[in-house]
Amino acid sequence: MKRKLTNIYRTLYSHFGPQNWWPGDTPFEVCVGAILTQNTAWQNVEKAIVNLKKQKILKPHKINKLPTKKLASYIIPAGYFNVKAKRLKNFISFLCEEYDGEVSNMFSNGSGNLRNHLLSVNGIGPETADSILLYAGNVPIFVVDAYTKRIFHRLNLTPEDITYHEMQEIFMENLPLDAMLFNEYHALIVMLGKNYCKKKPLCKECPIKNCDFRTL
């Protein structure tokens, strides 16, 4: 499995080049993006973040004081804006109450039990929590998404019903615990999923040639 994962990474890196994720000017902006990107494309998140910047409220304490409906009106481009406004407010309330509104304070004592603390926030699931840890805190934890499960099942490396934790363990047990590597690998998986390994895949153009799915 180590060799297979490494070969896939090299193939994708050679094809797509470095992705340099995650977009965000500050760690807090990365956290906001991780919540807003749930079930939507990143370009929609960017529009919502631009709105927050225009209003000069992309600060934890400012959003914490903002009425939820007002916040929702600014993040409409991200979709599910009422739900996401509540989730964002939940996270920022947690950040302000536990860490004085500072993302740096959140990571100051190491990642330790932080993942469990993040998962205790209503609206923060494993993928969002791990995105915050990896991209805002540089914590070496692998982010799993729908693309990951689809691609590696089609490659006949994982079962279709694999759980998030099981999928994550495969990467973390077979690759060096390196945040930059996990960052880049996840971004490359997203690129493959968006451009080739779609629901209706473009197998003939796919850079991964030794795939069982392309023969079906």
N, C-alpha and C. Protein backbone atom coordinates (compact mmCIF):
# COMPACT_ATOMS: atom_id res chain seq x y z
N MET A 1 0.82 -1.22 0.00
CA MET A 1 0.00 0.00 0.00
C MET A 1 0.86 1.27 0.00
N LYS A 2 2.00 1.23 0.75
CA LYS A 2 2.88 2.39 0.78
C LYS A 2 3.34 2.77 -0.62
N ARG A 3 3.78 1.75 -1.38
CA ARG A 3 4.27 2.00 -2.73
C ARG A 3 3.17 2.53 -3.63
N LYS A 4 1.97 1.97 -3.50
CA LYS A 4 0.86 2.40 -4.34
C LYS A 4 0.49 3.85 -4.06
N LEU A 5 0.40 4.20 -2.78
CA LEU A 5 0.05 5.57 -2.41
C LEU A 5 1.12 6.56 -2.89
N THR A 6 2.35 6.16 -2.75
CA THR A 6 3.46 7.02 -3.18
C THR A 6 3.46 7.19 -4.70
N ASN A 7 3.22 6.12 -5.43
CA ASN A 7 3.20 6.20 -6.89
C ASN A 7 2.04 7.06 -7.39
N ILE A 8 0.89 6.95 -6.73
CA ILE A 8 -0.27 7.77 -7.10
C ILE A 8 0.05 9.24 -6.87
N TYR A 9 0.66 9.53 -5.73
CA TYR A 9 1.03 10.92 -5.42
C TYR A 9 1.99 11.48 -6.47
N ARG A 10 3.00 10.70 -6.81
CA ARG A 10 3.98 11.16 -7.80
C ARG A 10 3.35 11.40 -9.17
N THR A 11 2.43 10.51 -9.53
CA THR A 11 1.74 10.66 -10.82
C THR A 11 0.92 11.94 -10.85
N LEU A 12 0.16 12.18 -9.77
CA LEU A 12 -0.69 13.37 -9.71
C LEU A 12 0.14 14.64 -9.64
N TYR A 13 1.21 14.60 -8.86
CA TYR A 13 2.08 15.78 -8.73
C TYR A 13 2.73 16.12 -10.06
N SER A 14 3.14 15.09 -10.77
CA SER A 14 3.76 15.29 -12.08
C SER A 14 2.76 15.87 -13.08
N HIS A 15 1.51 15.43 -12.98
CA HIS A 15 0.48 15.87 -13.92
C HIS A 15 -0.04 17.28 -13.59
N PHE A 16 -0.38 17.52 -12.32
CA PHE A 16 -1.02 18.78 -11.94
C PHE A 16 -0.05 19.85 -11.43
N GLY A 17 1.10 19.40 -10.93
CA GLY A 17 2.03 20.34 -10.32
C GLY A 17 1.61 20.70 -8.90
N PRO A 18 2.42 21.48 -8.18
CA PRO A 18 2.10 21.85 -6.79
C PRO A 18 0.84 22.72 -6.71
N GLN A 19 0.00 22.44 -5.72
CA GLN A 19 -1.27 23.16 -5.57
C GLN A 19 -1.21 24.28 -4.53
N ASN A 20 -0.29 24.16 -3.57
CA ASN A 20 -0.10 25.21 -2.55
C ASN A 20 -1.39 25.61 -1.84
N TRP A 21 -2.16 24.59 -1.40
CA TRP A 21 -3.36 24.89 -0.62
C TRP A 21 -2.96 25.24 0.80
N TRP A 22 -3.75 25.89 1.64
CA TRP A 22 -5.15 26.25 1.44
C TRP A 22 -5.21 27.74 1.22
N PRO A 23 -6.05 28.24 0.32
CA PRO A 23 -6.17 29.68 0.14
C PRO A 23 -6.67 30.36 1.40
N GLY A 24 -6.01 31.44 1.79
CA GLY A 24 -6.43 32.18 2.97
C GLY A 24 -5.30 33.08 3.42
N ASP A 25 -5.63 34.34 3.74
CA ASP A 25 -4.61 35.30 4.15
C ASP A 25 -4.15 35.09 5.59
N THR A 26 -5.02 34.52 6.43
CA THR A 26 -4.71 34.30 7.84
C THR A 26 -5.24 32.93 8.26
N PRO A 27 -4.73 32.38 9.36
CA PRO A 27 -5.28 31.11 9.86
C PRO A 27 -6.78 31.20 10.16
N PHE A 28 -7.24 32.35 10.65
CA PHE A 28 -8.66 32.49 10.92
C PHE A 28 -9.47 32.42 9.63
N GLU A 29 -8.97 33.06 8.58
CA GLU A 29 -9.66 33.00 7.29
C GLU A 29 -9.73 31.57 6.77
N VAL A 30 -8.68 30.79 7.02
CA VAL A 30 -8.67 29.39 6.62
C VAL A 30 -9.77 28.63 7.37
N CYS A 31 -9.93 28.91 8.65
CA CYS A 31 -10.98 28.25 9.45
C CYS A 31 -12.37 28.61 8.91
N VAL A 32 -12.56 29.88 8.59
CA VAL A 32 -13.84 30.32 8.02
C VAL A 32 -14.09 29.60 6.70
N GLY A 33 -13.06 29.53 5.87
CA GLY A 33 -13.20 28.86 4.58
C GLY A 33 -13.53 27.39 4.72
N ALA A 34 -12.93 26.74 5.74
CA ALA A 34 -13.17 25.31 5.96
C ALA A 34 -14.64 25.04 6.29
N ILE A 35 -15.28 25.98 6.96
CA ILE A 35 -16.69 25.82 7.31
C ILE A 35 -17.58 26.18 6.12
N LEU A 36 -17.25 27.26 5.43
CA LEU A 36 -18.09 27.71 4.32
C LEU A 36 -18.01 26.78 3.10
N THR A 37 -16.92 26.04 2.97
CA THR A 37 -16.76 25.20 1.77
C THR A 37 -17.54 23.90 1.84
N GLN A 38 -18.21 23.65 2.95
CA GLN A 38 -19.04 22.45 3.05
C GLN A 38 -20.11 22.45 1.95
N ASN A 39 -20.09 21.40 1.12
CA ASN A 39 -21.08 21.21 0.06
C ASN A 39 -21.14 22.33 -0.97
N THR A 40 -19.99 22.94 -1.25
CA THR A 40 -19.97 23.94 -2.31
C THR A 40 -18.57 24.05 -2.88
N ALA A 41 -18.45 24.70 -4.03
CA ALA A 41 -17.16 24.89 -4.69
C ALA A 41 -16.42 26.06 -4.05
N TRP A 42 -15.08 25.99 -4.11
CA TRP A 42 -14.28 27.01 -3.44
C TRP A 42 -14.52 28.42 -4.00
N GLN A 43 -14.78 28.54 -5.29
CA GLN A 43 -14.99 29.86 -5.86
C GLN A 43 -16.19 30.56 -5.23
N ASN A 44 -17.18 29.79 -4.77
CA ASN A 44 -18.33 30.38 -4.09
C ASN A 44 -17.93 30.87 -2.69
N VAL A 45 -17.05 30.11 -2.05
CA VAL A 45 -16.54 30.51 -0.73
C VAL A 45 -15.75 31.82 -0.84
N GLU A 46 -14.95 31.92 -1.88
CA GLU A 46 -14.15 33.14 -2.08
C GLU A 46 -15.03 34.38 -2.17
N LYS A 47 -16.16 34.25 -2.86
CA LYS A 47 -17.09 35.37 -2.98
C LYS A 47 -17.65 35.77 -1.62
N ALA A 48 -17.98 34.77 -0.81
CA ALA A 48 -18.50 35.04 0.53
C ALA A 48 -17.45 35.72 1.40
N ILE A 49 -16.21 35.25 1.31
CA ILE A 49 -15.13 35.84 2.11
C ILE A 49 -14.84 37.28 1.66
N VAL A 50 -14.92 37.52 0.36
CA VAL A 50 -14.76 38.90 -0.15
C VAL A 50 -15.83 39.81 0.45
N ASN A 51 -17.06 39.31 0.54
CA ASN A 51 -18.14 40.10 1.16
C ASN A 51 -17.81 40.45 2.60
N LEU A 52 -17.29 39.47 3.36
CA LEU A 52 -16.94 39.71 4.76
C LEU A 52 -15.81 40.74 4.87
N LYS A 53 -14.87 40.67 3.94
CA LYS A 53 -13.76 41.63 3.96
C LYS A 53 -14.24 43.04 3.61
N LYS A 54 -15.16 43.13 2.66
CA LYS A 54 -15.69 44.43 2.28
C LYS A 54 -16.40 45.10 3.46
N GLN A 55 -17.06 44.29 4.28
CA GLN A 55 -17.76 44.81 5.45
C GLN A 55 -16.80 45.02 6.63
N LYS A 56 -15.54 44.63 6.44
CA LYS A 56 -14.50 44.77 7.47
C LYS A 56 -14.88 44.06 8.76
N ILE A 57 -15.41 42.84 8.59
CA ILE A 57 -15.83 42.07 9.77
C ILE A 57 -15.19 40.68 9.82
N LEU A 58 -14.15 40.47 9.01
CA LEU A 58 -13.52 39.15 9.02
C LEU A 58 -12.55 39.04 10.20
N LYS A 59 -13.11 39.24 11.38
CA LYS A 59 -12.39 39.13 12.65
C LYS A 59 -13.28 38.35 13.62
N PRO A 60 -12.70 37.46 14.43
CA PRO A 60 -13.52 36.63 15.33
C PRO A 60 -14.48 37.42 16.21
N HIS A 61 -13.98 38.43 16.90
CA HIS A 61 -14.84 39.16 17.83
C HIS A 61 -15.93 39.96 17.12
N LYS A 62 -15.64 40.43 15.89
CA LYS A 62 -16.64 41.18 15.13
C LYS A 62 -17.77 40.26 14.66
N ILE A 63 -17.41 39.09 14.15
CA ILE A 63 -18.44 38.14 13.71
C ILE A 63 -19.21 37.61 14.91
N ASN A 64 -18.53 37.46 16.03
CA ASN A 64 -19.19 36.94 17.23
C ASN A 64 -20.31 37.87 17.70
N LYS A 65 -20.13 39.16 17.46
CA LYS A 65 -21.15 40.15 17.88
C LYS A 65 -22.23 40.36 16.81
N LEU A 66 -21.99 39.85 15.63
CA LEU A 66 -22.90 40.08 14.52
C LEU A 66 -24.14 39.18 14.63
N PRO A 67 -25.34 39.71 14.40
CA PRO A 67 -26.54 38.86 14.38
C PRO A 67 -26.41 37.78 13.30
N THR A 68 -26.91 36.60 13.60
CA THR A 68 -26.77 35.48 12.68
C THR A 68 -27.40 35.78 11.31
N LYS A 69 -28.56 36.43 11.30
CA LYS A 69 -29.21 36.75 10.02
C LYS A 69 -28.38 37.71 9.18
N LYS A 70 -27.73 38.65 9.86
CA LYS A 70 -26.87 39.60 9.14
C LYS A 70 -25.67 38.87 8.54
N LEU A 71 -25.08 37.98 9.32
CA LEU A 71 -23.96 37.19 8.82
C LEU A 71 -24.39 36.35 7.62
N ALA A 72 -25.56 35.75 7.71
CA ALA A 72 -26.08 34.92 6.62
C ALA A 72 -26.20 35.72 5.32
N SER A 73 -26.58 36.98 5.43
CA SER A 73 -26.75 37.81 4.23
C SER A 73 -25.43 38.07 3.52
N TYR A 74 -24.34 38.03 4.24
CA TYR A 74 -23.02 38.27 3.65
C TYR A 74 -22.43 37.01 3.00
N ILE A 75 -22.88 35.84 3.43
CA ILE A 75 -22.26 34.60 2.94
C ILE A 75 -23.19 33.84 1.98
N ILE A 76 -24.16 34.52 1.41
CA ILE A 76 -25.10 33.90 0.48
C ILE A 76 -24.40 33.14 -0.66
N PRO A 77 -23.31 33.68 -1.24
CA PRO A 77 -22.67 32.96 -2.35
C PRO A 77 -22.20 31.55 -1.99
N ALA A 78 -21.94 31.28 -0.71
CA ALA A 78 -21.44 29.97 -0.29
C ALA A 78 -22.54 28.91 -0.24
N GLY A 79 -23.80 29.32 -0.39
CA GLY A 79 -24.91 28.36 -0.35
C GLY A 79 -25.22 27.93 1.07
N TYR A 80 -26.44 27.42 1.28
CA TYR A 80 -26.89 26.99 2.62
C TYR A 80 -26.51 28.05 3.67
N PHE A 81 -26.70 29.30 3.31
CA PHE A 81 -26.14 30.40 4.09
C PHE A 81 -26.71 30.51 5.51
N ASN A 82 -27.98 30.14 5.69
CA ASN A 82 -28.54 30.20 7.04
C ASN A 82 -27.91 29.15 7.96
N VAL A 83 -27.75 27.95 7.41
CA VAL A 83 -27.12 26.86 8.17
C VAL A 83 -25.66 27.19 8.45
N LYS A 84 -24.96 27.67 7.43
CA LYS A 84 -23.53 27.95 7.58
C LYS A 84 -23.28 29.14 8.51
N ALA A 85 -24.18 30.08 8.51
CA ALA A 85 -24.04 31.22 9.44
C ALA A 85 -24.09 30.72 10.88
N LYS A 86 -25.01 29.81 11.15
CA LYS A 86 -25.11 29.25 12.51
C LYS A 86 -23.85 28.45 12.86
N ARG A 87 -23.36 27.66 11.90
CA ARG A 87 -22.16 26.86 12.15
C ARG A 87 -20.94 27.74 12.38
N LEU A 88 -20.85 28.79 11.58
CA LEU A 88 -19.73 29.71 11.72
C LEU A 88 -19.79 30.43 13.07
N LYS A 89 -20.99 30.84 13.46
CA LYS A 89 -21.16 31.49 14.76
C LYS A 89 -20.82 30.52 15.90
N ASN A 90 -21.20 29.26 15.76
CA ASN A 90 -20.88 28.26 16.78
C ASN A 90 -19.38 28.12 16.95
N PHE A 91 -18.67 28.04 15.81
CA PHE A 91 -17.22 27.89 15.88
C PHE A 91 -16.57 29.12 16.49
N ILE A 92 -17.01 30.30 16.08
CA ILE A 92 -16.39 31.54 16.56
C ILE A 92 -16.70 31.76 18.04
N SER A 93 -17.89 31.37 18.47
CA SER A 93 -18.22 31.43 19.89
C SER A 93 -17.27 30.54 20.69
N PHE A 94 -17.03 29.35 20.16
CA PHE A 94 -16.08 28.41 20.77
C PHE A 94 -14.67 29.02 20.82
N LEU A 95 -14.26 29.63 19.71
CA LEU A 95 -12.93 30.24 19.62
C LEU A 95 -12.78 31.39 20.61
N CYS A 96 -13.80 32.19 20.72
CA CYS A 96 -13.75 33.35 21.62
C CYS A 96 -13.80 32.93 23.09
N GLU A 97 -14.64 31.97 23.41
CA GLU A 97 -14.80 31.55 24.80
C GLU A 97 -13.60 30.74 25.31
N GLU A 98 -13.09 29.88 24.44
CA GLU A 98 -12.01 28.99 24.86
C GLU A 98 -10.61 29.55 24.62
N TYR A 99 -10.47 30.38 23.58
CA TYR A 99 -9.12 30.80 23.17
C TYR A 99 -9.02 32.30 22.93
N ASP A 100 -9.92 33.07 23.53
CA ASP A 100 -9.89 34.53 23.43
C ASP A 100 -9.91 35.00 21.97
N GLY A 101 -10.54 34.20 21.10
CA GLY A 101 -10.69 34.61 19.71
C GLY A 101 -9.43 34.50 18.88
N GLU A 102 -8.41 33.83 19.40
CA GLU A 102 -7.13 33.73 18.71
C GLU A 102 -6.87 32.31 18.24
N VAL A 103 -6.73 32.13 16.93
CA VAL A 103 -6.43 30.80 16.39
C VAL A 103 -5.07 30.32 16.89
N SER A 104 -4.14 31.24 17.05
CA SER A 104 -2.81 30.87 17.55
C SER A 104 -2.89 30.27 18.94
N ASN A 105 -3.80 30.79 19.77
CA ASN A 105 -3.99 30.23 21.12
C ASN A 105 -4.54 28.81 21.04
N MET A 106 -5.37 28.56 20.03
CA MET A 106 -5.99 27.25 19.87
C MET A 106 -4.93 26.17 19.63
N PHE A 107 -3.84 26.57 18.96
CA PHE A 107 -2.78 25.61 18.64
C PHE A 107 -1.57 25.73 19.56
N SER A 108 -1.63 26.63 20.53
CA SER A 108 -0.44 26.93 21.34
C SER A 108 0.03 25.76 22.19
N ASN A 109 -0.90 24.90 22.60
CA ASN A 109 -0.53 23.75 23.43
C ASN A 109 -0.46 22.45 22.63
N GLY A 110 -0.27 22.58 21.30
CA GLY A 110 -0.22 21.40 20.45
C GLY A 110 -1.62 20.96 20.07
N SER A 111 -1.70 19.96 19.19
CA SER A 111 -3.01 19.53 18.69
C SER A 111 -3.74 18.64 19.70
N GLY A 112 -2.97 17.88 20.51
CA GLY A 112 -3.53 17.07 21.58
C GLY A 112 -4.96 16.63 21.41
N ASN A 113 -5.81 17.18 22.26
CA ASN A 113 -7.24 16.83 22.24
C ASN A 113 -8.05 17.83 21.42
N LEU A 114 -7.38 18.69 20.66
CA LEU A 114 -8.07 19.75 19.93
C LEU A 114 -9.09 19.21 18.94
N ARG A 115 -8.75 18.12 18.28
CA ARG A 115 -9.68 17.55 17.30
C ARG A 115 -11.02 17.22 17.96
N ASN A 116 -10.97 16.59 19.13
CA ASN A 116 -12.21 16.26 19.84
C ASN A 116 -12.96 17.52 20.25
N HIS A 117 -12.22 18.56 20.64
CA HIS A 117 -12.87 19.82 21.01
C HIS A 117 -13.58 20.42 19.80
N LEU A 118 -12.92 20.38 18.64
CA LEU A 118 -13.54 20.91 17.43
C LEU A 118 -14.79 20.12 17.05
N LEU A 119 -14.69 18.80 17.19
CA LEU A 119 -15.84 17.95 16.84
C LEU A 119 -17.02 18.15 17.79
N SER A 120 -16.76 18.72 18.95
CA SER A 120 -17.84 18.99 19.92
C SER A 120 -18.65 20.22 19.52
N VAL A 121 -18.12 21.01 18.58
CA VAL A 121 -18.83 22.21 18.12
C VAL A 121 -19.89 21.80 17.11
N ASN A 122 -21.12 22.22 17.35
CA ASN A 122 -22.23 21.86 16.47
C ASN A 122 -21.97 22.37 15.04
N GLY A 123 -21.95 21.44 14.08
CA GLY A 123 -21.72 21.81 12.69
C GLY A 123 -20.31 21.53 12.19
N ILE A 124 -19.43 21.10 13.12
CA ILE A 124 -18.06 20.76 12.73
C ILE A 124 -17.93 19.24 12.71
N GLY A 125 -17.78 18.68 11.50
CA GLY A 125 -17.59 17.24 11.35
C GLY A 125 -16.13 16.91 11.15
N PRO A 126 -15.81 15.63 10.95
CA PRO A 126 -14.41 15.21 10.80
C PRO A 126 -13.65 15.93 9.68
N GLU A 127 -14.27 16.06 8.51
CA GLU A 127 -13.56 16.69 7.39
C GLU A 127 -13.25 18.15 7.68
N THR A 128 -14.21 18.87 8.25
CA THR A 128 -13.99 20.28 8.57
C THR A 128 -12.97 20.44 9.68
N ALA A 129 -13.08 19.61 10.73
CA ALA A 129 -12.12 19.67 11.83
C ALA A 129 -10.71 19.40 11.34
N ASP A 130 -10.56 18.39 10.50
CA ASP A 130 -9.23 18.03 10.01
C ASP A 130 -8.69 19.09 9.05
N SER A 131 -9.56 19.74 8.29
CA SER A 131 -9.13 20.83 7.42
C SER A 131 -8.59 21.99 8.24
N ILE A 132 -9.25 22.29 9.35
CA ILE A 132 -8.78 23.35 10.24
C ILE A 132 -7.43 22.99 10.84
N LEU A 133 -7.30 21.74 11.30
CA LEU A 133 -6.04 21.29 11.90
C LEU A 133 -4.89 21.33 10.89
N LEU A 134 -5.14 20.80 9.69
CA LEU A 134 -4.09 20.71 8.69
C LEU A 134 -3.74 22.06 8.09
N TYR A 135 -4.75 22.79 7.62
CA TYR A 135 -4.49 23.98 6.84
C TYR A 135 -4.31 25.25 7.67
N ALA A 136 -4.94 25.30 8.84
CA ALA A 136 -4.76 26.48 9.69
C ALA A 136 -3.67 26.25 10.74
N GLY A 137 -3.49 24.98 11.16
CA GLY A 137 -2.55 24.70 12.24
C GLY A 137 -1.32 23.91 11.82
N ASN A 138 -1.26 23.53 10.55
CA ASN A 138 -0.11 22.75 10.07
C ASN A 138 0.08 21.45 10.84
N VAL A 139 -1.03 20.87 11.29
CA VAL A 139 -1.01 19.60 12.01
C VAL A 139 -1.04 18.47 10.98
N PRO A 140 -0.13 17.50 11.07
CA PRO A 140 -0.10 16.42 10.07
C PRO A 140 -1.23 15.41 10.26
N ILE A 141 -2.37 15.76 9.69
CA ILE A 141 -3.54 14.87 9.72
C ILE A 141 -4.14 14.87 8.32
N PHE A 142 -4.52 13.69 7.83
CA PHE A 142 -4.99 13.60 6.45
C PHE A 142 -6.48 13.90 6.36
N VAL A 143 -6.85 14.77 5.43
CA VAL A 143 -8.24 15.14 5.22
C VAL A 143 -8.85 14.21 4.18
N VAL A 144 -9.95 13.60 4.54
CA VAL A 144 -10.67 12.69 3.64
C VAL A 144 -11.95 13.37 3.16
N ASP A 145 -12.22 13.27 1.87
CA ASP A 145 -13.47 13.80 1.34
C ASP A 145 -14.10 12.80 0.38
N ALA A 146 -15.19 13.21 -0.25
CA ALA A 146 -15.90 12.30 -1.16
C ALA A 146 -15.04 11.89 -2.34
N TYR A 147 -14.19 12.81 -2.81
CA TYR A 147 -13.28 12.47 -3.92
C TYR A 147 -12.34 11.35 -3.52
N THR A 148 -11.80 11.43 -2.30
CA THR A 148 -10.86 10.42 -1.82
C THR A 148 -11.50 9.04 -1.85
N LYS A 149 -12.71 8.95 -1.29
CA LYS A 149 -13.39 7.66 -1.23
C LYS A 149 -13.71 7.14 -2.64
N ARG A 150 -14.19 8.02 -3.50
CA ARG A 150 -14.54 7.60 -4.87
C ARG A 150 -13.32 7.10 -5.63
N ILE A 151 -12.25 7.88 -5.61
CA ILE A 151 -11.06 7.56 -6.40
C ILE A 151 -10.41 6.26 -5.94
N PHE A 152 -10.24 6.09 -4.64
CA PHE A 152 -9.51 4.92 -4.16
C PHE A 152 -10.37 3.65 -4.19
N HIS A 153 -11.69 3.83 -4.20
CA HIS A 153 -12.55 2.66 -4.45
C HIS A 153 -12.45 2.25 -5.91
N ARG A 154 -12.46 3.22 -6.82
CA ARG A 154 -12.34 2.90 -8.25
C ARG A 154 -10.99 2.28 -8.58
N LEU A 155 -9.97 2.65 -7.81
CA LEU A 155 -8.65 2.05 -7.99
C LEU A 155 -8.56 0.67 -7.35
N ASN A 156 -9.67 0.23 -6.76
CA ASN A 156 -9.75 -1.08 -6.13
C ASN A 156 -8.80 -1.21 -4.93
N LEU A 157 -8.60 -0.08 -4.24
CA LEU A 157 -7.73 -0.09 -3.07
C LEU A 157 -8.51 -0.05 -1.76
N THR A 158 -9.77 0.37 -1.82
CA THR A 158 -10.59 0.46 -0.62
C THR A 158 -12.03 0.03 -0.95
N PRO A 159 -12.75 -0.49 0.05
CA PRO A 159 -14.15 -0.84 -0.19
C PRO A 159 -15.03 0.41 -0.31
N GLU A 160 -16.15 0.26 -0.97
CA GLU A 160 -17.03 1.41 -1.20
C GLU A 160 -17.59 1.98 0.10
N ASP A 161 -17.79 1.11 1.10
CA ASP A 161 -18.42 1.55 2.35
C ASP A 161 -17.39 1.87 3.44
N ILE A 162 -16.15 2.15 3.06
CA ILE A 162 -15.12 2.47 4.04
C ILE A 162 -15.50 3.72 4.82
N THR A 163 -15.19 3.73 6.12
CA THR A 163 -15.52 4.89 6.95
C THR A 163 -14.45 5.97 6.81
N TYR A 164 -14.79 7.15 7.28
CA TYR A 164 -13.84 8.27 7.24
C TYR A 164 -12.56 7.89 7.98
N HIS A 165 -12.71 7.38 9.20
CA HIS A 165 -11.55 7.05 10.03
C HIS A 165 -10.70 5.95 9.39
N GLU A 166 -11.34 4.95 8.83
CA GLU A 166 -10.60 3.87 8.18
C GLU A 166 -9.80 4.39 6.99
N MET A 167 -10.41 5.26 6.21
CA MET A 167 -9.73 5.84 5.04
C MET A 167 -8.55 6.68 5.49
N GLN A 168 -8.77 7.47 6.51
CA GLN A 168 -7.71 8.34 7.02
C GLN A 168 -6.53 7.52 7.53
N GLU A 169 -6.82 6.43 8.21
CA GLU A 169 -5.76 5.58 8.75
C GLU A 169 -4.86 5.01 7.66
N ILE A 170 -5.43 4.67 6.51
CA ILE A 170 -4.64 4.12 5.41
C ILE A 170 -3.53 5.08 5.01
N PHE A 171 -3.87 6.36 4.89
CA PHE A 171 -2.87 7.36 4.51
C PHE A 171 -1.87 7.63 5.63
N MET A 172 -2.37 7.74 6.85
CA MET A 172 -1.51 8.12 7.96
C MET A 172 -0.59 6.99 8.41
N GLU A 173 -0.97 5.76 8.11
CA GLU A 173 -0.13 4.62 8.47
C GLU A 173 0.87 4.25 7.37
N ASN A 174 0.63 4.76 6.16
CA ASN A 174 1.48 4.35 5.04
C ASN A 174 2.28 5.49 4.41
N LEU A 175 2.13 6.68 4.95
CA LEU A 175 2.88 7.83 4.46
C LEU A 175 3.57 8.52 5.63
N PRO A 176 4.65 9.25 5.38
CA PRO A 176 5.29 10.01 6.46
C PRO A 176 4.30 11.02 7.05
N LEU A 177 4.35 11.21 8.37
CA LEU A 177 3.45 12.18 9.01
C LEU A 177 3.99 13.58 8.75
N ASP A 178 3.64 14.09 7.59
CA ASP A 178 4.17 15.36 7.11
C ASP A 178 3.00 16.24 6.65
N ALA A 179 2.81 17.38 7.31
CA ALA A 179 1.68 18.25 6.99
C ALA A 179 1.73 18.75 5.56
N MET A 180 2.91 19.08 5.06
CA MET A 180 3.03 19.58 3.69
C MET A 180 2.65 18.49 2.68
N LEU A 181 3.07 17.26 2.96
CA LEU A 181 2.72 16.15 2.08
C LEU A 181 1.21 15.91 2.08
N PHE A 182 0.60 15.88 3.28
CA PHE A 182 -0.84 15.66 3.38
C PHE A 182 -1.61 16.80 2.71
N ASN A 183 -1.13 18.01 2.90
CA ASN A 183 -1.73 19.19 2.28
C ASN A 183 -1.77 19.02 0.76
N GLU A 184 -0.60 18.71 0.21
CA GLU A 184 -0.46 18.60 -1.25
C GLU A 184 -1.23 17.40 -1.81
N TYR A 185 -1.17 16.27 -1.10
CA TYR A 185 -1.84 15.05 -1.57
C TYR A 185 -3.34 15.27 -1.65
N HIS A 186 -3.92 15.84 -0.60
CA HIS A 186 -5.36 16.08 -0.59
C HIS A 186 -5.77 17.01 -1.73
N ALA A 187 -4.98 18.07 -1.94
CA ALA A 187 -5.29 19.01 -3.02
C ALA A 187 -5.23 18.33 -4.38
N LEU A 188 -4.26 17.44 -4.57
CA LEU A 188 -4.12 16.73 -5.85
C LEU A 188 -5.27 15.75 -6.07
N ILE A 189 -5.74 15.12 -4.98
CA ILE A 189 -6.91 14.24 -5.07
C ILE A 189 -8.13 15.03 -5.52
N VAL A 190 -8.30 16.23 -4.97
CA VAL A 190 -9.42 17.08 -5.36
C VAL A 190 -9.33 17.45 -6.84
N MET A 191 -8.13 17.77 -7.29
CA MET A 191 -7.93 18.10 -8.70
C MET A 191 -8.30 16.92 -9.61
N LEU A 192 -7.89 15.72 -9.21
CA LEU A 192 -8.22 14.53 -10.01
C LEU A 192 -9.73 14.31 -10.02
N GLY A 193 -10.37 14.45 -8.86
CA GLY A 193 -11.80 14.24 -8.76
C GLY A 193 -12.61 15.26 -9.55
N LYS A 194 -12.17 16.49 -9.55
CA LYS A 194 -12.89 17.56 -10.25
C LYS A 194 -12.72 17.49 -11.76
N ASN A 195 -11.52 17.09 -12.19
CA ASN A 195 -11.19 17.16 -13.61
C ASN A 195 -11.33 15.85 -14.38
N TYR A 196 -11.16 14.72 -13.69
CA TYR A 196 -11.18 13.43 -14.39
C TYR A 196 -12.09 12.40 -13.73
N CYS A 197 -11.86 12.13 -12.44
CA CYS A 197 -12.61 11.07 -11.77
C CYS A 197 -13.93 11.61 -11.22
N LYS A 198 -14.75 12.10 -12.15
CA LYS A 198 -16.05 12.66 -11.81
C LYS A 198 -17.06 11.52 -11.61
N LYS A 199 -18.30 11.89 -11.31
CA LYS A 199 -19.33 10.85 -11.21
C LYS A 199 -19.42 10.09 -12.54
N LYS A 200 -19.32 10.83 -13.63
CA LYS A 200 -19.16 10.22 -14.95
C LYS A 200 -17.71 10.48 -15.37
N PRO A 201 -16.83 9.53 -15.09
CA PRO A 201 -15.39 9.77 -15.24
C PRO A 201 -14.89 9.90 -16.67
N LEU A 202 -13.83 10.64 -16.81
CA LEU A 202 -13.14 10.79 -18.10
C LEU A 202 -11.91 9.88 -18.07
N CYS A 203 -12.15 8.61 -18.12
CA CYS A 203 -11.08 7.62 -17.90
C CYS A 203 -9.97 7.69 -18.95
N LYS A 204 -10.32 7.94 -20.20
CA LYS A 204 -9.31 7.93 -21.26
C LYS A 204 -8.28 9.04 -21.08
N GLU A 205 -8.70 10.16 -20.48
CA GLU A 205 -7.80 11.28 -20.28
C GLU A 205 -7.10 11.26 -18.93
N CYS A 206 -7.52 10.37 -18.04
CA CYS A 206 -7.03 10.35 -16.66
C CYS A 206 -5.53 10.04 -16.60
N PRO A 207 -4.79 10.77 -15.77
CA PRO A 207 -3.35 10.51 -15.66
C PRO A 207 -3.01 9.18 -14.98
N ILE A 208 -3.96 8.62 -14.23
CA ILE A 208 -3.72 7.32 -13.61
C ILE A 208 -4.19 6.23 -14.59
N LYS A 209 -3.24 5.52 -15.14
CA LYS A 209 -3.54 4.56 -16.20
C LYS A 209 -3.92 3.17 -15.67
N ASN A 210 -3.28 2.74 -14.58
CA ASN A 210 -3.52 1.38 -14.07
C ASN A 210 -4.71 1.36 -13.12
N CYS A 211 -5.88 1.65 -13.68
CA CYS A 211 -7.11 1.72 -12.88
C CYS A 211 -8.11 0.69 -13.40
N ASP A 212 -8.61 -0.15 -12.52
CA ASP A 212 -9.56 -1.19 -12.92
C ASP A 212 -10.84 -0.58 -13.48
N PHE A 213 -11.23 0.59 -12.96
CA PHE A 213 -12.50 1.19 -13.33
C PHE A 213 -12.56 1.55 -14.81
N ARG A 214 -11.42 1.92 -15.39
CA ARG A 214 -11.41 2.35 -16.79
C ARG A 214 -11.67 1.21 -17.76
N THR A 215 -11.64 -0.03 -17.27
CA THR A 215 -11.91 -1.18 -18.14
C THR A 215 -13.37 -1.60 -18.08
N LEU A 216 -14.14 -0.99 -17.15
CA LEU A 216 -15.54 -1.39 -16.99
C LEU A 216 -16.42 -0.74 -18.05
